[in-house]
Amino acid sequence: MINKRNYVITEWMVPGFIEQTGSHIVLYETEDTGRSKLDVFLSSDQNLCIKNVDKKNTQFYFFQDTKVKSMFKRVDHIIFENQCNNKWKLYLIEMKSSVGEKKWREIK
């Protein structure tokens, strides 16, 4: 039996969009306003990661593009941690050098 998840990743998604990772993942913020590195350590060694989501072609052009309703904003990285028995924990990661109260409200 073919694993449906792997089939979707390999046959339907653009190569390199999502990657299978181990328990240690290194993420980078490369924007000049907040260059940083984040080392993530997970208990599982069979995880999935979408790095630099905001730089990948994920637009839905049928949504409105006003600032309030825009679907064009993306987090920087997404990690799917494999818990057990096909259960996953999702991490949405937005990397900033610092976050004030106003920015925190915008990110949330």
N, C-alpha and C. Protein backbone atom coordinates (compact mmCIF):
# COMPACT_ATOMS: atom_id res chain seq x y z
N MET A 1 0.84 -1.19 0.00
CA MET A 1 0.00 0.00 0.00
C MET A 1 0.89 1.26 0.00
N ILE A 2 0.61 2.16 -0.89
CA ILE A 2 1.38 3.40 -0.99
C ILE A 2 0.92 4.39 0.08
N ASN A 3 1.87 5.00 0.77
CA ASN A 3 1.56 6.01 1.77
C ASN A 3 0.99 7.24 1.06
N LYS A 4 -0.26 7.60 1.39
CA LYS A 4 -0.94 8.72 0.71
C LYS A 4 -0.20 10.03 0.88
N ARG A 5 0.34 10.27 2.07
CA ARG A 5 1.05 11.52 2.33
C ARG A 5 2.26 11.63 1.42
N ASN A 6 3.06 10.59 1.35
CA ASN A 6 4.24 10.63 0.49
C ASN A 6 3.86 10.74 -0.98
N TYR A 7 2.77 10.10 -1.36
CA TYR A 7 2.30 10.20 -2.74
C TYR A 7 1.94 11.64 -3.10
N VAL A 8 1.21 12.31 -2.22
CA VAL A 8 0.84 13.71 -2.47
C VAL A 8 2.08 14.59 -2.56
N ILE A 9 3.03 14.38 -1.64
CA ILE A 9 4.25 15.19 -1.62
C ILE A 9 5.08 14.98 -2.88
N THR A 10 5.24 13.74 -3.30
CA THR A 10 6.12 13.46 -4.44
C THR A 10 5.45 13.63 -5.80
N GLU A 11 4.15 13.39 -5.87
CA GLU A 11 3.47 13.40 -7.16
C GLU A 11 2.69 14.68 -7.45
N TRP A 12 2.24 15.38 -6.44
CA TRP A 12 1.40 16.55 -6.67
C TRP A 12 2.07 17.88 -6.34
N MET A 13 2.99 17.87 -5.40
CA MET A 13 3.61 19.13 -4.98
C MET A 13 4.87 19.40 -5.79
N VAL A 14 5.19 20.67 -5.89
CA VAL A 14 6.42 21.11 -6.55
C VAL A 14 7.60 20.53 -5.77
N PRO A 15 8.58 19.96 -6.46
CA PRO A 15 9.74 19.40 -5.76
C PRO A 15 10.40 20.44 -4.85
N GLY A 16 10.69 20.05 -3.62
CA GLY A 16 11.35 20.93 -2.67
C GLY A 16 10.40 21.81 -1.87
N PHE A 17 9.09 21.78 -2.16
CA PHE A 17 8.16 22.63 -1.41
C PHE A 17 8.09 22.22 0.05
N ILE A 18 7.95 20.93 0.29
CA ILE A 18 7.92 20.39 1.65
C ILE A 18 9.01 19.33 1.72
N GLU A 19 9.70 19.28 2.84
CA GLU A 19 10.78 18.29 2.95
C GLU A 19 10.61 17.44 4.20
N GLN A 20 11.05 16.22 4.10
CA GLN A 20 11.07 15.34 5.26
C GLN A 20 12.35 15.63 6.03
N THR A 21 12.21 15.79 7.35
CA THR A 21 13.36 16.16 8.16
C THR A 21 13.48 15.23 9.36
N GLY A 22 14.61 15.32 10.01
CA GLY A 22 14.87 14.57 11.23
C GLY A 22 14.47 15.38 12.45
N SER A 23 15.09 15.09 13.57
CA SER A 23 14.73 15.73 14.83
C SER A 23 15.38 17.11 15.01
N HIS A 24 16.36 17.45 14.18
CA HIS A 24 17.02 18.75 14.27
C HIS A 24 16.77 19.51 12.96
N ILE A 25 16.16 20.68 13.08
CA ILE A 25 15.86 21.51 11.91
C ILE A 25 16.48 22.88 12.14
N VAL A 26 17.17 23.40 11.15
CA VAL A 26 17.78 24.73 11.23
C VAL A 26 17.00 25.65 10.30
N LEU A 27 16.48 26.75 10.86
CA LEU A 27 15.69 27.71 10.10
C LEU A 27 16.41 29.06 10.10
N TYR A 28 16.29 29.78 9.00
CA TYR A 28 16.95 31.07 8.87
C TYR A 28 15.96 32.14 8.47
N GLU A 29 16.18 33.34 8.98
CA GLU A 29 15.52 34.55 8.51
C GLU A 29 16.59 35.31 7.75
N THR A 30 16.35 35.57 6.47
CA THR A 30 17.38 36.18 5.64
C THR A 30 17.11 37.64 5.30
N GLU A 31 15.98 38.18 5.77
CA GLU A 31 15.68 39.59 5.50
C GLU A 31 16.67 40.47 6.25
N ASP A 32 17.05 41.59 5.64
CA ASP A 32 18.01 42.51 6.25
C ASP A 32 17.52 43.07 7.58
N THR A 33 16.21 43.16 7.75
CA THR A 33 15.66 43.76 8.96
C THR A 33 15.75 42.86 10.18
N GLY A 34 16.09 41.60 10.00
CA GLY A 34 16.14 40.72 11.17
C GLY A 34 16.81 39.39 10.91
N ARG A 35 18.00 39.41 10.34
CA ARG A 35 18.70 38.15 10.06
C ARG A 35 18.86 37.35 11.36
N SER A 36 18.47 36.06 11.29
CA SER A 36 18.59 35.22 12.47
C SER A 36 18.59 33.75 12.09
N LYS A 37 18.96 32.94 13.05
CA LYS A 37 19.00 31.49 12.87
C LYS A 37 18.27 30.87 14.05
N LEU A 38 17.49 29.84 13.78
CA LEU A 38 16.75 29.13 14.83
C LEU A 38 17.02 27.64 14.70
N ASP A 39 17.54 27.04 15.77
CA ASP A 39 17.73 25.59 15.82
C ASP A 39 16.53 25.00 16.54
N VAL A 40 15.82 24.08 15.88
CA VAL A 40 14.64 23.43 16.45
C VAL A 40 14.99 21.97 16.68
N PHE A 41 14.72 21.50 17.89
CA PHE A 41 14.95 20.10 18.24
C PHE A 41 13.61 19.47 18.60
N LEU A 42 13.26 18.40 17.90
CA LEU A 42 11.99 17.72 18.10
C LEU A 42 12.23 16.31 18.63
N SER A 43 11.23 15.76 19.30
CA SER A 43 11.39 14.40 19.84
C SER A 43 11.29 13.34 18.75
N SER A 44 10.55 13.62 17.69
CA SER A 44 10.40 12.68 16.59
C SER A 44 11.52 12.88 15.58
N ASP A 45 11.89 11.82 14.88
CA ASP A 45 12.89 11.97 13.82
C ASP A 45 12.27 11.81 12.43
N GLN A 46 10.93 11.86 12.36
CA GLN A 46 10.22 11.78 11.08
C GLN A 46 9.22 12.92 11.00
N ASN A 47 9.70 14.09 10.61
CA ASN A 47 8.90 15.30 10.58
C ASN A 47 8.86 15.87 9.17
N LEU A 48 7.99 16.84 8.98
CA LEU A 48 7.89 17.54 7.70
C LEU A 48 8.11 19.02 7.95
N CYS A 49 8.71 19.70 6.99
CA CYS A 49 9.00 21.12 7.14
C CYS A 49 8.82 21.85 5.81
N ILE A 50 8.18 23.00 5.88
CA ILE A 50 8.11 23.92 4.74
C ILE A 50 8.90 25.15 5.16
N LYS A 51 10.08 25.31 4.61
CA LYS A 51 10.93 26.45 4.94
C LYS A 51 10.64 27.60 3.98
N ASN A 52 10.77 28.82 4.50
CA ASN A 52 10.60 30.04 3.70
C ASN A 52 9.29 30.05 2.93
N VAL A 53 8.19 29.79 3.64
CA VAL A 53 6.87 29.74 3.01
C VAL A 53 6.56 31.05 2.29
N ASP A 54 6.95 32.16 2.89
CA ASP A 54 6.64 33.46 2.31
C ASP A 54 7.37 33.71 0.99
N LYS A 55 8.35 32.91 0.66
CA LYS A 55 9.08 33.08 -0.60
C LYS A 55 8.65 32.06 -1.66
N LYS A 56 7.71 31.18 -1.29
CA LYS A 56 7.26 30.15 -2.24
C LYS A 56 5.94 30.59 -2.87
N ASN A 57 5.66 30.07 -4.03
CA ASN A 57 4.47 30.47 -4.79
C ASN A 57 3.23 29.80 -4.21
N THR A 58 2.59 30.48 -3.23
CA THR A 58 1.42 29.92 -2.57
C THR A 58 0.20 30.84 -2.67
N GLN A 59 0.17 31.70 -3.68
CA GLN A 59 -0.91 32.68 -3.78
C GLN A 59 -2.23 32.04 -4.21
N PHE A 60 -3.31 32.58 -3.66
CA PHE A 60 -4.67 32.25 -4.08
C PHE A 60 -5.25 33.54 -4.67
N TYR A 61 -5.22 33.67 -5.96
CA TYR A 61 -5.58 34.93 -6.60
C TYR A 61 -7.07 35.24 -6.61
N PHE A 62 -7.91 34.32 -6.13
CA PHE A 62 -9.34 34.59 -6.11
C PHE A 62 -9.77 35.24 -4.79
N PHE A 63 -8.84 35.42 -3.82
CA PHE A 63 -9.14 36.12 -2.58
C PHE A 63 -8.88 37.62 -2.75
N GLN A 64 -9.60 38.43 -1.96
CA GLN A 64 -9.37 39.87 -1.97
C GLN A 64 -7.96 40.16 -1.46
N ASP A 65 -7.38 41.26 -1.94
CA ASP A 65 -6.01 41.56 -1.55
C ASP A 65 -5.86 42.83 -0.72
N THR A 66 -6.94 43.27 -0.07
CA THR A 66 -6.82 44.43 0.81
C THR A 66 -6.02 44.03 2.05
N LYS A 67 -5.44 45.01 2.73
CA LYS A 67 -4.58 44.70 3.88
C LYS A 67 -5.32 43.91 4.96
N VAL A 68 -6.57 44.24 5.22
CA VAL A 68 -7.33 43.58 6.28
C VAL A 68 -7.70 42.15 5.90
N LYS A 69 -8.04 41.92 4.64
CA LYS A 69 -8.53 40.62 4.21
C LYS A 69 -7.51 39.79 3.44
N SER A 70 -6.33 40.29 3.29
CA SER A 70 -5.35 39.63 2.42
C SER A 70 -4.98 38.22 2.88
N MET A 71 -4.89 37.31 1.92
CA MET A 71 -4.41 35.96 2.17
C MET A 71 -2.97 35.82 1.65
N PHE A 72 -2.33 36.95 1.34
CA PHE A 72 -0.99 36.93 0.78
C PHE A 72 0.11 36.96 1.83
N LYS A 73 -0.25 37.17 3.10
CA LYS A 73 0.75 37.13 4.16
C LYS A 73 0.99 35.69 4.55
N ARG A 74 2.23 35.36 4.78
CA ARG A 74 2.60 33.99 5.12
C ARG A 74 3.54 34.00 6.32
N VAL A 75 3.53 32.93 7.07
CA VAL A 75 4.54 32.75 8.11
C VAL A 75 5.85 32.43 7.41
N ASP A 76 6.94 32.46 8.15
CA ASP A 76 8.24 32.18 7.55
C ASP A 76 8.46 30.68 7.34
N HIS A 77 8.07 29.88 8.31
CA HIS A 77 8.33 28.44 8.25
C HIS A 77 7.17 27.67 8.88
N ILE A 78 6.97 26.44 8.44
CA ILE A 78 5.95 25.55 9.02
C ILE A 78 6.62 24.21 9.30
N ILE A 79 6.40 23.71 10.50
CA ILE A 79 6.91 22.38 10.87
C ILE A 79 5.73 21.51 11.29
N PHE A 80 5.70 20.29 10.76
CA PHE A 80 4.74 19.28 11.17
C PHE A 80 5.52 18.23 11.95
N GLU A 81 5.32 18.18 13.27
CA GLU A 81 6.03 17.20 14.10
C GLU A 81 5.17 15.95 14.23
N ASN A 82 5.74 14.82 13.85
CA ASN A 82 5.06 13.54 13.91
C ASN A 82 5.03 13.07 15.36
N GLN A 83 3.84 13.06 15.97
CA GLN A 83 3.71 12.66 17.37
C GLN A 83 3.70 11.14 17.51
N CYS A 84 2.71 10.49 16.98
CA CYS A 84 2.59 9.03 16.95
C CYS A 84 1.20 8.69 16.44
N ASN A 85 1.05 7.48 15.95
CA ASN A 85 -0.25 7.01 15.45
C ASN A 85 -0.90 7.99 14.47
N ASN A 86 -0.09 8.56 13.60
CA ASN A 86 -0.56 9.49 12.58
C ASN A 86 -1.14 10.78 13.16
N LYS A 87 -0.65 11.20 14.31
CA LYS A 87 -1.03 12.48 14.91
C LYS A 87 0.14 13.43 14.73
N TRP A 88 -0.18 14.68 14.44
CA TRP A 88 0.85 15.67 14.13
C TRP A 88 0.66 16.92 14.96
N LYS A 89 1.77 17.55 15.32
CA LYS A 89 1.75 18.85 15.99
C LYS A 89 2.25 19.87 14.97
N LEU A 90 1.53 20.96 14.84
CA LEU A 90 1.85 21.99 13.85
C LEU A 90 2.51 23.19 14.52
N TYR A 91 3.62 23.65 13.95
CA TYR A 91 4.30 24.85 14.41
C TYR A 91 4.32 25.86 13.27
N LEU A 92 3.79 27.05 13.51
CA LEU A 92 3.84 28.16 12.56
C LEU A 92 4.87 29.14 13.11
N ILE A 93 5.93 29.37 12.35
CA ILE A 93 7.05 30.14 12.87
C ILE A 93 7.22 31.43 12.08
N GLU A 94 7.14 32.54 12.80
CA GLU A 94 7.38 33.87 12.24
C GLU A 94 8.61 34.42 12.93
N MET A 95 9.69 34.59 12.19
CA MET A 95 10.96 35.03 12.78
C MET A 95 11.08 36.55 12.69
N LYS A 96 11.30 37.16 13.84
CA LYS A 96 11.51 38.60 13.95
C LYS A 96 12.68 38.85 14.89
N SER A 97 13.41 39.93 14.66
CA SER A 97 14.51 40.26 15.57
C SER A 97 13.97 40.78 16.89
N SER A 98 12.85 41.48 16.86
CA SER A 98 12.17 41.92 18.07
C SER A 98 10.70 42.14 17.73
N VAL A 99 9.86 42.02 18.74
CA VAL A 99 8.42 42.17 18.52
C VAL A 99 7.84 43.04 19.62
N GLY A 100 7.33 44.20 19.22
CA GLY A 100 6.64 45.08 20.15
C GLY A 100 5.17 44.70 20.25
N GLU A 101 4.44 45.38 21.11
CA GLU A 101 3.03 45.05 21.32
C GLU A 101 2.21 45.21 20.04
N LYS A 102 2.45 46.28 19.30
CA LYS A 102 1.70 46.51 18.06
C LYS A 102 1.99 45.41 17.04
N LYS A 103 3.25 45.06 16.89
CA LYS A 103 3.63 44.01 15.93
C LYS A 103 3.06 42.66 16.36
N TRP A 104 3.05 42.38 17.67
CA TRP A 104 2.51 41.12 18.18
C TRP A 104 1.03 40.98 17.79
N ARG A 105 0.27 42.05 17.93
CA ARG A 105 -1.15 42.01 17.55
C ARG A 105 -1.30 41.73 16.04
N GLU A 106 -0.43 42.33 15.25
CA GLU A 106 -0.48 42.12 13.80
C GLU A 106 -0.13 40.66 13.45
N ILE A 107 0.87 40.11 14.10
CA ILE A 107 1.29 38.73 13.84
C ILE A 107 0.21 37.74 14.23
N LYS A 108 -0.40 37.96 15.39
CA LYS A 108 -1.43 37.01 15.86
C LYS A 108 -2.53 36.90 14.85
